[in-house]
N, C-alpha and C. Protein backbone atom coordinates (compact mmCIF):
# COMPACT_ATOMS: atom_id res chain seq x y z
N MET A 1 0.72 -1.17 0.13
CA MET A 1 -0.07 0.06 0.15
C MET A 1 0.82 1.33 0.17
N PRO A 2 0.72 1.91 -1.10
CA PRO A 2 1.50 3.29 -1.10
C PRO A 2 1.21 4.24 -0.21
N LEU A 3 2.16 5.24 0.06
CA LEU A 3 1.93 6.39 1.14
C LEU A 3 1.20 7.42 0.55
N SER A 4 0.43 7.87 1.04
CA SER A 4 -0.33 9.33 0.52
C SER A 4 0.52 10.33 0.32
N ASP A 5 0.22 11.45 -0.21
CA ASP A 5 0.89 12.44 -0.46
C ASP A 5 1.37 12.99 0.81
N HIS A 6 0.53 13.35 1.78
CA HIS A 6 0.62 13.81 3.01
C HIS A 6 1.66 12.91 3.87
N GLU A 7 1.74 11.55 3.91
CA GLU A 7 2.45 10.98 4.57
C GLU A 7 4.04 10.97 3.97
N GLN A 8 3.88 10.95 2.63
CA GLN A 8 5.16 11.16 1.99
C GLN A 8 6.00 12.28 2.54
N ARG A 9 5.23 13.58 2.45
CA ARG A 9 5.79 14.78 2.60
C ARG A 9 6.48 14.60 4.28
N LEU A 10 5.57 14.11 5.28
CA LEU A 10 5.98 13.88 6.27
C LEU A 10 7.24 13.27 6.82
N LEU A 11 7.03 12.07 6.05
CA LEU A 11 8.41 11.25 5.76
C LEU A 11 9.67 11.99 5.53
N GLU A 12 9.63 12.76 4.44
CA GLU A 12 10.63 13.47 3.97
C GLU A 12 10.99 14.74 5.20
N GLN A 13 9.91 15.15 5.68
CA GLN A 13 10.52 16.18 6.76
C GLN A 13 11.13 15.55 7.97
N MET A 14 10.68 14.47 8.11
CA MET A 14 11.48 13.74 9.36
C MET A 14 12.84 13.30 8.89
N GLU A 15 13.01 12.85 7.68
CA GLU A 15 14.25 12.53 7.24
C GLU A 15 15.20 13.87 7.19
N GLN A 16 14.79 14.99 6.63
CA GLN A 16 15.64 15.95 6.81
C GLN A 16 16.01 16.41 8.16
N ALA A 17 15.20 16.53 8.98
CA ALA A 17 15.46 16.87 10.55
C ALA A 17 16.48 15.89 10.93
N LEU A 18 16.36 14.52 10.61
CA LEU A 18 17.27 13.64 11.23
C LEU A 18 18.60 14.18 10.59
N TYR A 19 18.71 14.41 9.28
CA TYR A 19 20.10 14.62 8.60
C TYR A 19 20.61 16.05 9.31
N ALA A 20 19.63 16.93 9.43
CA ALA A 20 20.01 18.24 10.13
C ALA A 20 20.58 17.86 11.69
N GLU A 21 20.13 17.00 12.41
CA GLU A 21 20.62 16.87 13.72
C GLU A 21 21.57 15.96 13.69
N ASP A 22 21.54 14.73 13.26
CA ASP A 22 22.87 13.87 13.42
C ASP A 22 23.28 13.21 12.09
N PRO A 23 23.83 13.72 11.17
CA PRO A 23 24.23 13.23 9.75
C PRO A 23 24.85 12.21 9.73
N LYS A 24 25.70 11.76 10.62
CA LYS A 24 26.37 10.48 10.82
C LYS A 24 25.19 9.32 11.07
N PHE A 25 24.58 9.69 12.14
CA PHE A 25 23.29 8.36 12.40
C PHE A 25 22.55 8.05 11.34
N ALA A 26 22.16 9.44 10.48
CA ALA A 26 21.36 9.09 9.25
C ALA A 26 21.94 8.44 8.21
N THR A 27 23.30 8.72 8.02
CA THR A 27 24.04 8.00 6.90
C THR A 27 23.98 6.51 7.43
N THR A 28 24.57 6.16 8.74
CA THR A 28 24.63 4.73 9.06
C THR A 28 23.30 4.13 8.88
N LEU A 29 22.04 4.57 9.05
CA LEU A 29 20.83 4.12 8.95
C LEU A 29 20.33 3.96 7.52
N ARG A 30 21.01 4.85 6.69
CA ARG A 30 20.63 4.50 5.33
C ARG A 30 21.27 3.57 4.57
N SER A 31 22.82 3.34 5.03
CA SER A 31 23.57 2.15 4.53
C SER A 31 22.82 0.73 4.78
N GLY A 32 22.45 0.85 6.12
CA GLY A 32 21.98 -0.62 6.43
C GLY A 32 22.60 -1.64 6.60
N ARG A 33 24.12 -1.47 6.39
CA ARG A 33 24.95 -2.62 6.48
C ARG A 33 26.11 -2.50 7.63
N PRO A 34 26.55 -3.54 8.25
CA PRO A 34 27.37 -3.42 9.19
C PRO A 34 28.84 -3.26 8.48
N ARG A 35 29.43 -2.42 9.39
CA ARG A 35 30.97 -2.42 8.82
C ARG A 35 31.77 -3.82 8.50
N ALA A 36 32.45 -3.50 7.15
CA ALA A 36 33.35 -4.96 7.07
C ALA A 36 34.17 -5.27 7.97
N GLY A 37 34.82 -4.52 8.87
CA GLY A 37 35.74 -5.19 9.93
C GLY A 37 34.89 -5.81 10.99
N ASN A 38 33.57 -5.54 11.27
CA ASN A 38 32.85 -6.10 12.20
C ASN A 38 32.64 -7.73 11.65
N ARG A 39 32.41 -7.66 10.43
CA ARG A 39 32.06 -8.93 9.76
C ARG A 39 33.34 -10.03 9.83
N VAL A 40 34.44 -9.42 9.70
CA VAL A 40 35.61 -10.17 9.67
C VAL A 40 35.99 -10.47 11.37
N THR A 41 35.78 -9.76 11.95
CA THR A 41 36.03 -10.13 13.48
C THR A 41 35.19 -11.00 13.96
N LEU A 42 33.94 -11.09 13.42
CA LEU A 42 32.57 -12.02 13.85
C LEU A 42 33.40 -13.40 13.15
N VAL A 43 33.57 -13.36 12.06
CA VAL A 43 34.24 -14.85 11.37
C VAL A 43 35.40 -15.11 12.35
N ILE A 44 36.25 -14.74 12.45
CA ILE A 44 37.33 -15.13 13.42
C ILE A 44 37.03 -15.40 14.61
N GLY A 45 35.87 -14.74 15.29
CA GLY A 45 35.49 -15.16 16.44
C GLY A 45 34.85 -16.56 16.57
N LEU A 46 33.99 -16.88 15.37
CA LEU A 46 33.43 -17.99 15.22
C LEU A 46 34.32 -19.29 15.11
N VAL A 47 35.55 -18.87 13.94
CA VAL A 47 36.32 -19.91 14.06
C VAL A 47 37.20 -20.46 15.08
N VAL A 48 37.69 -19.22 16.04
CA VAL A 48 38.45 -19.63 17.14
C VAL A 48 37.53 -20.23 18.14
N THR A 49 36.34 -19.87 18.27
CA THR A 49 35.29 -20.83 19.25
C THR A 49 34.88 -21.80 18.78
N LEU A 50 34.92 -22.43 17.51
CA LEU A 50 34.68 -23.70 17.03
C LEU A 50 36.11 -24.43 17.28
N GLY A 51 37.16 -23.83 17.05
CA GLY A 51 38.46 -24.55 17.27
C GLY A 51 38.57 -24.59 18.59
N GLY A 52 38.23 -24.01 19.62
CA GLY A 52 38.40 -24.05 20.88
C GLY A 52 37.52 -25.11 21.40
N LEU A 53 36.50 -25.28 20.74
CA LEU A 53 35.40 -26.48 21.13
C LEU A 53 35.98 -27.70 20.61
N LEU A 54 36.72 -27.51 19.54
CA LEU A 54 37.21 -28.86 19.09
C LEU A 54 38.58 -29.35 20.13
N LEU A 55 39.24 -28.30 20.66
CA LEU A 55 40.41 -28.63 21.77
C LEU A 55 39.77 -29.15 22.84
N LEU A 56 38.69 -28.68 23.20
CA LEU A 56 38.22 -28.96 24.43
C LEU A 56 37.69 -30.60 24.63
N LEU A 57 36.80 -30.74 23.36
CA LEU A 57 36.44 -32.03 23.20
C LEU A 57 37.76 -33.13 23.29
N ALA A 58 38.76 -32.70 22.46
CA ALA A 58 40.06 -33.46 22.37
C ALA A 58 40.76 -33.61 23.81
N GLY A 59 40.71 -32.59 24.67
CA GLY A 59 41.00 -32.62 26.03
C GLY A 59 40.36 -33.57 26.77
N VAL A 60 39.05 -33.49 26.61
CA VAL A 60 38.29 -34.55 27.34
C VAL A 60 38.44 -36.01 27.13
N THR A 61 38.37 -36.19 25.76
CA THR A 61 38.24 -37.58 25.24
C THR A 61 39.73 -38.26 25.62
N SER A 62 40.80 -37.41 25.52
CA SER A 62 42.02 -37.77 25.91
C SER A 62 42.62 -37.72 27.43
N SER A 63 41.66 -37.26 28.29
CA SER A 63 42.02 -37.07 29.40
C SER A 63 43.19 -35.94 29.81
N SER A 64 43.31 -35.08 28.90
CA SER A 64 44.27 -34.21 29.08
C SER A 64 43.90 -32.87 29.44
N VAL A 65 44.00 -32.56 30.60
CA VAL A 65 43.72 -31.08 31.20
C VAL A 65 44.51 -30.25 30.50
N PRO A 66 45.50 -29.91 30.18
CA PRO A 66 45.87 -28.69 29.62
C PRO A 66 45.49 -28.25 28.19
N VAL A 67 45.15 -29.53 27.32
CA VAL A 67 44.36 -29.41 26.10
C VAL A 67 43.14 -28.91 26.51
N GLY A 68 42.48 -29.48 27.23
CA GLY A 68 41.04 -28.80 27.77
C GLY A 68 40.78 -27.43 27.94
N VAL A 69 41.93 -27.16 28.87
CA VAL A 69 41.72 -26.00 29.22
C VAL A 69 42.35 -24.60 28.13
N LEU A 70 43.18 -25.26 27.48
CA LEU A 70 43.56 -24.29 26.38
C LEU A 70 42.19 -24.20 25.32
N GLY A 71 41.42 -25.26 25.18
CA GLY A 71 40.24 -25.17 24.51
C GLY A 71 39.46 -24.47 24.77
N PHE A 72 39.24 -24.41 26.28
CA PHE A 72 38.20 -23.45 26.85
C PHE A 72 38.51 -22.06 26.88
N VAL A 73 39.96 -21.73 27.19
CA VAL A 73 39.98 -20.39 26.79
C VAL A 73 40.19 -19.86 25.58
N ALA A 74 40.36 -20.78 24.57
CA ALA A 74 40.18 -20.44 23.02
C ALA A 74 38.51 -19.99 22.82
N MET A 75 37.77 -20.68 23.56
CA MET A 75 36.32 -20.74 23.30
C MET A 75 35.85 -19.30 24.04
N LEU A 76 36.54 -18.88 25.02
CA LEU A 76 36.01 -17.71 25.66
C LEU A 76 36.84 -16.50 24.87
N VAL A 77 37.88 -16.55 24.37
CA VAL A 77 38.42 -15.46 23.37
C VAL A 77 37.44 -15.51 22.09
N GLY A 78 37.23 -16.54 21.36
CA GLY A 78 36.24 -16.39 20.28
C GLY A 78 35.01 -15.79 20.65
N VAL A 79 34.46 -16.39 21.56
CA VAL A 79 33.20 -15.67 21.97
C VAL A 79 33.34 -14.18 22.34
N PHE A 80 34.30 -13.88 22.94
CA PHE A 80 34.49 -12.24 23.08
C PHE A 80 34.72 -11.55 22.03
N LEU A 81 35.26 -12.34 20.93
CA LEU A 81 35.59 -11.40 19.75
C LEU A 81 34.24 -11.23 18.92
N GLY A 82 33.54 -12.47 18.83
CA GLY A 82 32.04 -12.31 18.43
C GLY A 82 31.28 -11.35 18.62
N TRP A 83 31.32 -11.35 20.02
CA TRP A 83 30.26 -10.50 20.77
C TRP A 83 30.75 -8.84 20.75
N THR A 84 32.01 -8.78 20.69
CA THR A 84 32.32 -7.37 20.50
C THR A 84 32.05 -6.97 18.96
N SER A 85 32.08 -7.90 18.08
CA SER A 85 32.17 -7.37 16.80
C SER A 85 30.41 -7.18 16.60
N LEU A 86 29.70 -7.65 17.34
CA LEU A 86 28.11 -7.37 17.12
C LEU A 86 27.81 -6.21 17.83
N HIS A 87 28.55 -6.06 18.99
CA HIS A 87 28.06 -4.75 19.97
C HIS A 87 29.25 -3.74 19.97
N ALA A 88 29.62 -3.36 18.83
CA ALA A 88 30.60 -2.28 18.61
C ALA A 88 30.29 -1.12 19.35
N PRO A 89 30.89 -0.48 20.21
CA PRO A 89 30.86 0.67 21.20
C PRO A 89 30.80 1.85 20.14
N ALA A 90 29.86 2.73 20.26
CA ALA A 90 29.87 3.93 19.51
C ALA A 90 30.87 4.93 20.22
N LYS A 91 31.10 5.90 19.74
CA LYS A 91 31.89 6.99 20.44
C LYS A 91 31.12 7.44 21.64
N SER A 92 31.90 7.66 22.87
CA SER A 92 31.48 7.97 24.10
C SER A 92 30.83 9.28 23.79
N ALA A 93 30.18 9.66 25.04
CA ALA A 93 29.50 10.88 25.03
C ALA A 93 30.53 11.95 25.57
N ALA A 94 31.58 11.32 26.30
CA ALA A 94 32.30 12.20 26.84
C ALA A 94 33.31 12.93 25.66
N SER A 95 33.75 12.03 24.78
CA SER A 95 34.57 12.21 23.57
C SER A 95 33.78 12.91 22.65
N ALA A 96 32.55 13.10 22.32
CA ALA A 96 31.92 13.58 21.19
C ALA A 96 31.53 15.18 21.72
N THR A 97 31.75 15.76 20.76
CA THR A 97 31.74 17.47 20.80
C THR A 97 30.09 17.71 20.91
N PRO A 98 29.88 18.47 22.03
CA PRO A 98 28.56 18.83 21.93
C PRO A 98 28.01 19.71 20.90
N LYS A 99 26.50 19.39 20.47
CA LYS A 99 26.12 20.05 19.28
C LYS A 99 25.00 21.13 19.88
N LYS A 100 24.93 22.27 19.16
CA LYS A 100 23.89 23.00 19.58
C LYS A 100 22.81 22.72 18.54
N ARG A 101 21.61 22.50 19.40
CA ARG A 101 20.42 21.90 18.62
C ARG A 101 19.63 23.08 18.17
N ARG A 102 19.09 23.22 17.26
CA ARG A 102 18.09 24.27 16.89
C ARG A 102 17.11 23.76 16.22
N GLY A 103 15.99 23.76 16.52
CA GLY A 103 14.58 23.45 15.92
C GLY A 103 14.44 22.17 15.80
N GLY A 104 14.95 21.22 16.67
CA GLY A 104 14.96 19.68 16.35
C GLY A 104 13.53 19.40 16.81
N LEU A 105 13.16 18.23 16.45
CA LEU A 105 11.89 17.68 16.80
C LEU A 105 11.66 17.35 17.94
N ASN A 106 12.42 17.12 19.15
CA ASN A 106 12.19 17.25 20.46
C ASN A 106 11.87 18.65 21.07
N ASN A 107 12.58 19.50 20.42
CA ASN A 107 12.23 20.88 20.88
C ASN A 107 10.99 21.20 20.26
N LYS A 108 10.50 20.94 18.98
CA LYS A 108 9.07 21.40 18.76
C LYS A 108 8.12 20.80 19.45
N LEU A 109 8.26 19.39 19.90
CA LEU A 109 7.38 18.67 20.72
C LEU A 109 7.13 19.30 21.97
N GLU A 110 8.13 19.69 22.79
CA GLU A 110 8.27 20.29 24.01
C GLU A 110 7.46 21.68 23.94
N SER A 111 7.78 22.37 22.92
CA SER A 111 7.14 23.59 22.71
C SER A 111 5.74 23.39 22.65
N ARG A 112 5.28 22.73 21.80
CA ARG A 112 3.58 22.10 21.44
C ARG A 112 3.19 21.88 22.98
N TRP A 113 3.78 21.19 23.85
CA TRP A 113 3.27 20.48 24.95
C TRP A 113 3.06 21.64 26.11
N ALA A 114 4.10 22.95 26.14
CA ALA A 114 4.22 23.76 26.74
C ALA A 114 2.87 24.64 26.47
N LYS A 115 2.74 24.84 25.13
CA LYS A 115 1.79 25.64 24.54
C LYS A 115 0.20 24.97 24.96
N ARG A 116 0.24 23.78 24.90
CA ARG A 116 -1.17 23.09 25.43
C ARG A 116 -1.27 23.28 26.85
N ARG A 117 -0.44 23.29 27.71
CA ARG A 117 -0.54 23.27 29.00
C ARG A 117 -1.01 24.71 29.53
N GLU A 118 -0.22 25.35 28.66
CA GLU A 118 -0.97 27.20 29.13
C GLU A 118 -2.13 27.14 28.43
N ASP A 119 -2.51 26.81 27.44
CA ASP A 119 -4.07 26.84 26.86
C ASP A 119 -4.84 26.09 27.69
N GLY A 120 -4.48 25.13 28.39
CA GLY A 120 -5.41 24.32 29.28
C GLY A 120 -6.00 23.19 28.38
N THR A 121 -5.48 22.73 27.13
CA THR A 121 -6.07 21.80 26.52
C THR A 121 -4.92 20.93 26.06
N PHE A 122 -4.95 20.00 27.30
CA PHE A 122 -3.82 18.79 27.21
C PHE A 122 -4.58 17.72 27.64
């Protein structure tokens, strides 16, 4: 079902507001793909985890404790690599430069709410 003209205009306005407030985030959303480095790290993590599982099983079947421990540690490292590739941290708020927001969606909603409270029509 296609969008009406009014809905299409609203969508375009929301997109423009998003680009104005945070262009990097908007570009990330538009691309919709994870970064290649994250995929490579995820694959490495999976391979290390599977290798660690094989070492753990080899250590258990041969009653070799050092091989089993090495396999367990390798599994932990592989899971850690995979987890960090899926949940890559964004720039911290402390390192980001504060932006001066002007006319954002939040400000518009807050001003509308304040106006309604003043008028008594909320």
